[in-house]
Amino acid sequence: MTKLRELFGKRLEQILKSHKMKQVELADKLDIDPQSISRMIAGKHFPKEENLEKMIMAFNINPESLFKFSEVLDDNDIKAEMIRLISNASSNKLRLAHKVLTAIFE
């Protein structure tokens, strides 16, 4: 669960920046303490369902946008995810992934 909170916090920080919104402004829109937003961004707290809905409305975004974690993964996270995907892939998918990666890197 910690990883989810951390990824959500990074994503929330990105969304705030892209909307040029301060943490205190979002807190006002959600009617919560600004410290709660700070804890979310730090990965220490995950928002309640009703606050997720309010965030979607405040940012005027699709719900999926809040969880678009591919935007916040660092290189090590991406490598680990790729290894996980490859490790669990069927033979056909593994061969397809090899072809795609070979085409990209050669």
N, C-alpha and C. Protein backbone atom coordinates (compact mmCIF):
# COMPACT_ATOMS: atom_id res chain seq x y z
N MET A 1 0.83 -1.21 0.00
CA MET A 1 0.00 0.00 0.00
C MET A 1 0.86 1.26 0.00
N THR A 2 1.99 1.19 0.63
CA THR A 2 2.87 2.35 0.69
C THR A 2 3.25 2.82 -0.71
N LYS A 3 3.57 1.88 -1.60
CA LYS A 3 3.96 2.24 -2.96
C LYS A 3 2.83 3.00 -3.66
N LEU A 4 1.59 2.55 -3.46
CA LEU A 4 0.45 3.24 -4.07
C LEU A 4 0.34 4.66 -3.55
N ARG A 5 0.48 4.83 -2.25
CA ARG A 5 0.42 6.19 -1.69
C ARG A 5 1.53 7.07 -2.25
N GLU A 6 2.74 6.51 -2.38
CA GLU A 6 3.86 7.28 -2.92
C GLU A 6 3.61 7.69 -4.36
N LEU A 7 3.16 6.74 -5.17
CA LEU A 7 2.88 7.05 -6.58
C LEU A 7 1.76 8.07 -6.70
N PHE A 8 0.72 7.91 -5.89
CA PHE A 8 -0.38 8.86 -5.93
C PHE A 8 0.11 10.26 -5.54
N GLY A 9 0.95 10.32 -4.51
CA GLY A 9 1.48 11.61 -4.07
C GLY A 9 2.28 12.31 -5.15
N LYS A 10 3.13 11.55 -5.84
CA LYS A 10 3.91 12.13 -6.94
C LYS A 10 2.99 12.61 -8.06
N ARG A 11 1.98 11.81 -8.36
CA ARG A 11 1.04 12.17 -9.43
C ARG A 11 0.25 13.41 -9.04
N LEU A 12 -0.21 13.47 -7.80
CA LEU A 12 -0.96 14.64 -7.34
C LEU A 12 -0.11 15.90 -7.43
N GLU A 13 1.14 15.78 -7.06
CA GLU A 13 2.05 16.94 -7.15
C GLU A 13 2.19 17.41 -8.60
N GLN A 14 2.30 16.45 -9.54
CA GLN A 14 2.38 16.81 -10.96
C GLN A 14 1.13 17.53 -11.43
N ILE A 15 -0.02 17.00 -11.02
CA ILE A 15 -1.29 17.60 -11.45
C ILE A 15 -1.43 19.01 -10.88
N LEU A 16 -1.07 19.18 -9.63
CA LEU A 16 -1.11 20.53 -9.03
C LEU A 16 -0.26 21.50 -9.83
N LYS A 17 0.96 21.08 -10.17
CA LYS A 17 1.86 21.95 -10.93
C LYS A 17 1.29 22.27 -12.31
N SER A 18 0.76 21.24 -12.97
CA SER A 18 0.25 21.46 -14.33
C SER A 18 -0.98 22.37 -14.34
N HIS A 19 -1.71 22.39 -13.22
CA HIS A 19 -2.88 23.26 -13.12
C HIS A 19 -2.54 24.58 -12.42
N LYS A 20 -1.23 24.75 -12.12
CA LYS A 20 -0.77 25.97 -11.44
C LYS A 20 -1.61 26.26 -10.19
N MET A 21 -1.85 25.19 -9.44
CA MET A 21 -2.67 25.28 -8.24
C MET A 21 -1.80 24.98 -7.02
N LYS A 22 -1.98 25.74 -5.97
CA LYS A 22 -1.24 25.52 -4.74
C LYS A 22 -1.98 24.49 -3.87
N GLN A 23 -1.22 23.87 -2.99
CA GLN A 23 -1.82 22.87 -2.09
C GLN A 23 -2.97 23.45 -1.28
N VAL A 24 -2.80 24.66 -0.81
CA VAL A 24 -3.83 25.29 0.01
C VAL A 24 -5.11 25.53 -0.81
N GLU A 25 -4.96 25.84 -2.09
CA GLU A 25 -6.13 26.03 -2.96
C GLU A 25 -6.91 24.72 -3.12
N LEU A 26 -6.17 23.64 -3.32
CA LEU A 26 -6.84 22.35 -3.44
C LEU A 26 -7.51 21.98 -2.12
N ALA A 27 -6.84 22.23 -1.03
CA ALA A 27 -7.43 21.94 0.29
C ALA A 27 -8.74 22.70 0.47
N ASP A 28 -8.77 23.97 0.03
CA ASP A 28 -10.00 24.76 0.11
C ASP A 28 -11.12 24.13 -0.72
N LYS A 29 -10.77 23.69 -1.92
CA LYS A 29 -11.78 23.09 -2.81
C LYS A 29 -12.30 21.76 -2.25
N LEU A 30 -11.44 21.06 -1.51
CA LEU A 30 -11.84 19.78 -0.94
C LEU A 30 -12.42 19.94 0.46
N ASP A 31 -12.31 21.14 1.00
CA ASP A 31 -12.77 21.44 2.35
C ASP A 31 -12.07 20.55 3.38
N ILE A 32 -10.73 20.49 3.24
CA ILE A 32 -9.91 19.72 4.19
C ILE A 32 -8.73 20.57 4.62
N ASP A 33 -8.04 20.11 5.62
CA ASP A 33 -6.86 20.79 6.14
C ASP A 33 -5.72 20.74 5.11
N PRO A 34 -5.04 21.84 4.85
CA PRO A 34 -3.92 21.84 3.90
C PRO A 34 -2.85 20.80 4.25
N GLN A 35 -2.70 20.47 5.53
CA GLN A 35 -1.73 19.45 5.93
C GLN A 35 -2.09 18.09 5.32
N SER A 36 -3.36 17.85 5.10
CA SER A 36 -3.79 16.58 4.48
C SER A 36 -3.25 16.47 3.06
N ILE A 37 -3.27 17.57 2.34
CA ILE A 37 -2.72 17.57 0.97
C ILE A 37 -1.23 17.32 1.03
N SER A 38 -0.56 17.97 1.96
CA SER A 38 0.88 17.78 2.12
C SER A 38 1.21 16.32 2.44
N ARG A 39 0.42 15.70 3.30
CA ARG A 39 0.64 14.29 3.64
C ARG A 39 0.37 13.38 2.45
N MET A 40 -0.60 13.73 1.62
CA MET A 40 -0.88 12.95 0.41
C MET A 40 0.33 13.00 -0.53
N ILE A 41 0.84 14.20 -0.75
CA ILE A 41 1.97 14.38 -1.66
C ILE A 41 3.21 13.65 -1.13
N ALA A 42 3.37 13.62 0.18
CA ALA A 42 4.51 12.93 0.80
C ALA A 42 4.34 11.41 0.79
N GLY A 43 3.17 10.93 0.38
CA GLY A 43 2.92 9.49 0.34
C GLY A 43 2.58 8.91 1.69
N LYS A 44 2.19 9.75 2.62
CA LYS A 44 1.86 9.29 3.97
C LYS A 44 0.36 9.07 4.16
N HIS A 45 -0.43 9.59 3.25
CA HIS A 45 -1.88 9.56 3.41
C HIS A 45 -2.51 9.35 2.04
N PHE A 46 -3.59 8.59 2.00
CA PHE A 46 -4.33 8.39 0.75
C PHE A 46 -5.70 9.02 0.92
N PRO A 47 -6.19 9.73 -0.08
CA PRO A 47 -7.47 10.44 0.08
C PRO A 47 -8.66 9.50 0.18
N LYS A 48 -9.68 9.97 0.88
CA LYS A 48 -10.95 9.24 0.96
C LYS A 48 -11.64 9.32 -0.40
N GLU A 49 -12.56 8.41 -0.61
CA GLU A 49 -13.27 8.35 -1.89
C GLU A 49 -13.93 9.68 -2.25
N GLU A 50 -14.58 10.30 -1.29
CA GLU A 50 -15.26 11.57 -1.60
C GLU A 50 -14.27 12.66 -1.99
N ASN A 51 -13.05 12.61 -1.42
CA ASN A 51 -12.03 13.59 -1.79
C ASN A 51 -11.44 13.31 -3.16
N LEU A 52 -11.37 12.04 -3.54
CA LEU A 52 -10.94 11.71 -4.91
C LEU A 52 -11.92 12.32 -5.91
N GLU A 53 -13.20 12.17 -5.62
CA GLU A 53 -14.22 12.74 -6.51
C GLU A 53 -14.11 14.25 -6.58
N LYS A 54 -13.87 14.88 -5.45
CA LYS A 54 -13.72 16.34 -5.42
C LYS A 54 -12.48 16.78 -6.20
N MET A 55 -11.40 15.98 -6.13
CA MET A 55 -10.18 16.31 -6.88
C MET A 55 -10.47 16.27 -8.38
N ILE A 56 -11.18 15.25 -8.80
CA ILE A 56 -11.52 15.12 -10.21
C ILE A 56 -12.28 16.35 -10.67
N MET A 57 -13.21 16.79 -9.86
CA MET A 57 -13.99 17.99 -10.20
C MET A 57 -13.12 19.25 -10.15
N ALA A 58 -12.28 19.37 -9.13
CA ALA A 58 -11.44 20.56 -8.97
C ALA A 58 -10.47 20.73 -10.13
N PHE A 59 -9.91 19.61 -10.60
CA PHE A 59 -8.96 19.66 -11.70
C PHE A 59 -9.64 19.56 -13.06
N ASN A 60 -10.92 19.20 -13.05
CA ASN A 60 -11.67 18.98 -14.30
C ASN A 60 -10.94 17.97 -15.19
N ILE A 61 -10.69 16.78 -14.61
CA ILE A 61 -9.96 15.72 -15.30
C ILE A 61 -10.76 14.42 -15.24
N ASN A 62 -10.35 13.47 -16.06
CA ASN A 62 -10.92 12.13 -16.01
C ASN A 62 -10.37 11.42 -14.78
N PRO A 63 -11.15 10.53 -14.18
CA PRO A 63 -10.65 9.80 -13.00
C PRO A 63 -9.33 9.08 -13.26
N GLU A 64 -9.16 8.54 -14.47
CA GLU A 64 -7.93 7.81 -14.79
C GLU A 64 -6.70 8.68 -14.65
N SER A 65 -6.86 9.97 -14.88
CA SER A 65 -5.72 10.89 -14.84
C SER A 65 -5.06 10.94 -13.46
N LEU A 66 -5.84 10.75 -12.41
CA LEU A 66 -5.28 10.76 -11.07
C LEU A 66 -4.34 9.58 -10.84
N PHE A 67 -4.57 8.50 -11.60
CA PHE A 67 -3.81 7.28 -11.39
C PHE A 67 -2.91 6.94 -12.56
N LYS A 68 -2.54 7.92 -13.33
CA LYS A 68 -1.66 7.71 -14.48
C LYS A 68 -0.21 7.71 -13.97
N PHE A 69 0.13 6.62 -13.28
CA PHE A 69 1.41 6.54 -12.59
C PHE A 69 2.60 6.41 -13.53
N SER A 70 2.36 6.02 -14.75
CA SER A 70 3.48 5.92 -15.70
C SER A 70 4.16 7.27 -15.87
N GLU A 71 3.45 8.33 -15.56
CA GLU A 71 4.00 9.67 -15.67
C GLU A 71 5.01 9.99 -14.57
N VAL A 72 4.98 9.22 -13.46
CA VAL A 72 5.81 9.56 -12.31
C VAL A 72 6.87 8.52 -11.98
N LEU A 73 6.93 7.44 -12.72
CA LEU A 73 7.90 6.40 -12.43
C LEU A 73 9.31 6.85 -12.81
N ASP A 74 10.27 6.53 -11.94
CA ASP A 74 11.66 6.83 -12.30
C ASP A 74 12.22 5.64 -13.08
N ASP A 75 13.44 5.77 -13.57
CA ASP A 75 14.03 4.72 -14.41
C ASP A 75 14.10 3.37 -13.71
N ASN A 76 14.44 3.37 -12.43
CA ASN A 76 14.53 2.10 -11.71
C ASN A 76 13.16 1.43 -11.58
N ASP A 77 12.12 2.23 -11.34
CA ASP A 77 10.76 1.68 -11.27
C ASP A 77 10.35 1.09 -12.61
N ILE A 78 10.69 1.79 -13.68
CA ILE A 78 10.33 1.32 -15.02
C ILE A 78 11.04 0.00 -15.32
N LYS A 79 12.33 -0.07 -14.99
CA LYS A 79 13.08 -1.31 -15.21
C LYS A 79 12.48 -2.46 -14.41
N ALA A 80 12.16 -2.21 -13.16
CA ALA A 80 11.57 -3.26 -12.32
C ALA A 80 10.23 -3.72 -12.87
N GLU A 81 9.45 -2.78 -13.35
CA GLU A 81 8.14 -3.14 -13.93
C GLU A 81 8.32 -3.94 -15.22
N MET A 82 9.29 -3.56 -16.03
CA MET A 82 9.56 -4.30 -17.26
C MET A 82 10.00 -5.73 -16.94
N ILE A 83 10.85 -5.89 -15.95
CA ILE A 83 11.30 -7.22 -15.54
C ILE A 83 10.12 -8.05 -15.04
N ARG A 84 9.25 -7.44 -14.27
CA ARG A 84 8.07 -8.14 -13.77
C ARG A 84 7.18 -8.59 -14.93
N LEU A 85 6.96 -7.70 -15.88
CA LEU A 85 6.12 -8.04 -17.04
C LEU A 85 6.73 -9.17 -17.86
N ILE A 86 8.02 -9.08 -18.10
CA ILE A 86 8.71 -10.11 -18.89
C ILE A 86 8.71 -11.44 -18.16
N SER A 87 8.93 -11.40 -16.87
CA SER A 87 8.97 -12.64 -16.08
C SER A 87 7.65 -13.40 -16.12
N ASN A 88 6.55 -12.69 -16.25
CA ASN A 88 5.23 -13.31 -16.24
C ASN A 88 4.65 -13.51 -17.64
N ALA A 89 5.41 -13.17 -18.67
CA ALA A 89 4.89 -13.21 -20.04
C ALA A 89 4.85 -14.63 -20.59
N SER A 90 3.85 -14.86 -21.43
CA SER A 90 3.79 -16.13 -22.16
C SER A 90 4.90 -16.13 -23.21
N SER A 91 5.16 -17.28 -23.77
CA SER A 91 6.20 -17.40 -24.78
C SER A 91 5.93 -16.48 -25.97
N ASN A 92 4.69 -16.41 -26.42
CA ASN A 92 4.35 -15.55 -27.56
C ASN A 92 4.59 -14.07 -27.25
N LYS A 93 4.16 -13.65 -26.07
CA LYS A 93 4.34 -12.25 -25.68
C LYS A 93 5.82 -11.94 -25.47
N LEU A 94 6.55 -12.89 -24.94
CA LEU A 94 7.97 -12.69 -24.72
C LEU A 94 8.70 -12.49 -26.06
N ARG A 95 8.34 -13.29 -27.04
CA ARG A 95 8.95 -13.17 -28.37
C ARG A 95 8.57 -11.84 -29.03
N LEU A 96 7.32 -11.43 -28.86
CA LEU A 96 6.88 -10.15 -29.41
C LEU A 96 7.62 -8.99 -28.74
N ALA A 97 7.75 -9.06 -27.41
CA ALA A 97 8.48 -8.01 -26.68
C ALA A 97 9.93 -7.94 -27.15
N HIS A 98 10.53 -9.09 -27.39
CA HIS A 98 11.91 -9.13 -27.88
C HIS A 98 12.03 -8.43 -29.23
N LYS A 99 11.08 -8.71 -30.13
CA LYS A 99 11.10 -8.07 -31.45
C LYS A 99 10.97 -6.55 -31.33
N VAL A 100 10.05 -6.12 -30.47
CA VAL A 100 9.81 -4.68 -30.31
C VAL A 100 11.06 -4.01 -29.72
N LEU A 101 11.61 -4.59 -28.66
CA LEU A 101 12.79 -4.00 -28.05
C LEU A 101 13.99 -4.01 -28.98
N THR A 102 14.16 -5.07 -29.71
CA THR A 102 15.25 -5.14 -30.70
C THR A 102 15.10 -4.03 -31.73
N ALA A 103 13.88 -3.83 -32.21
CA ALA A 103 13.64 -2.78 -33.19
C ALA A 103 13.92 -1.39 -32.62
N ILE A 104 13.61 -1.20 -31.40
CA ILE A 104 13.83 0.11 -30.77
C ILE A 104 15.31 0.40 -30.54
N PHE A 105 16.04 -0.61 -30.09
CA PHE A 105 17.42 -0.38 -29.66
C PHE A 105 18.46 -0.63 -30.74
N GLU A 106 18.10 -1.16 -31.86
CA GLU A 106 19.10 -1.38 -32.92
C GLU A 106 19.04 -0.31 -33.95
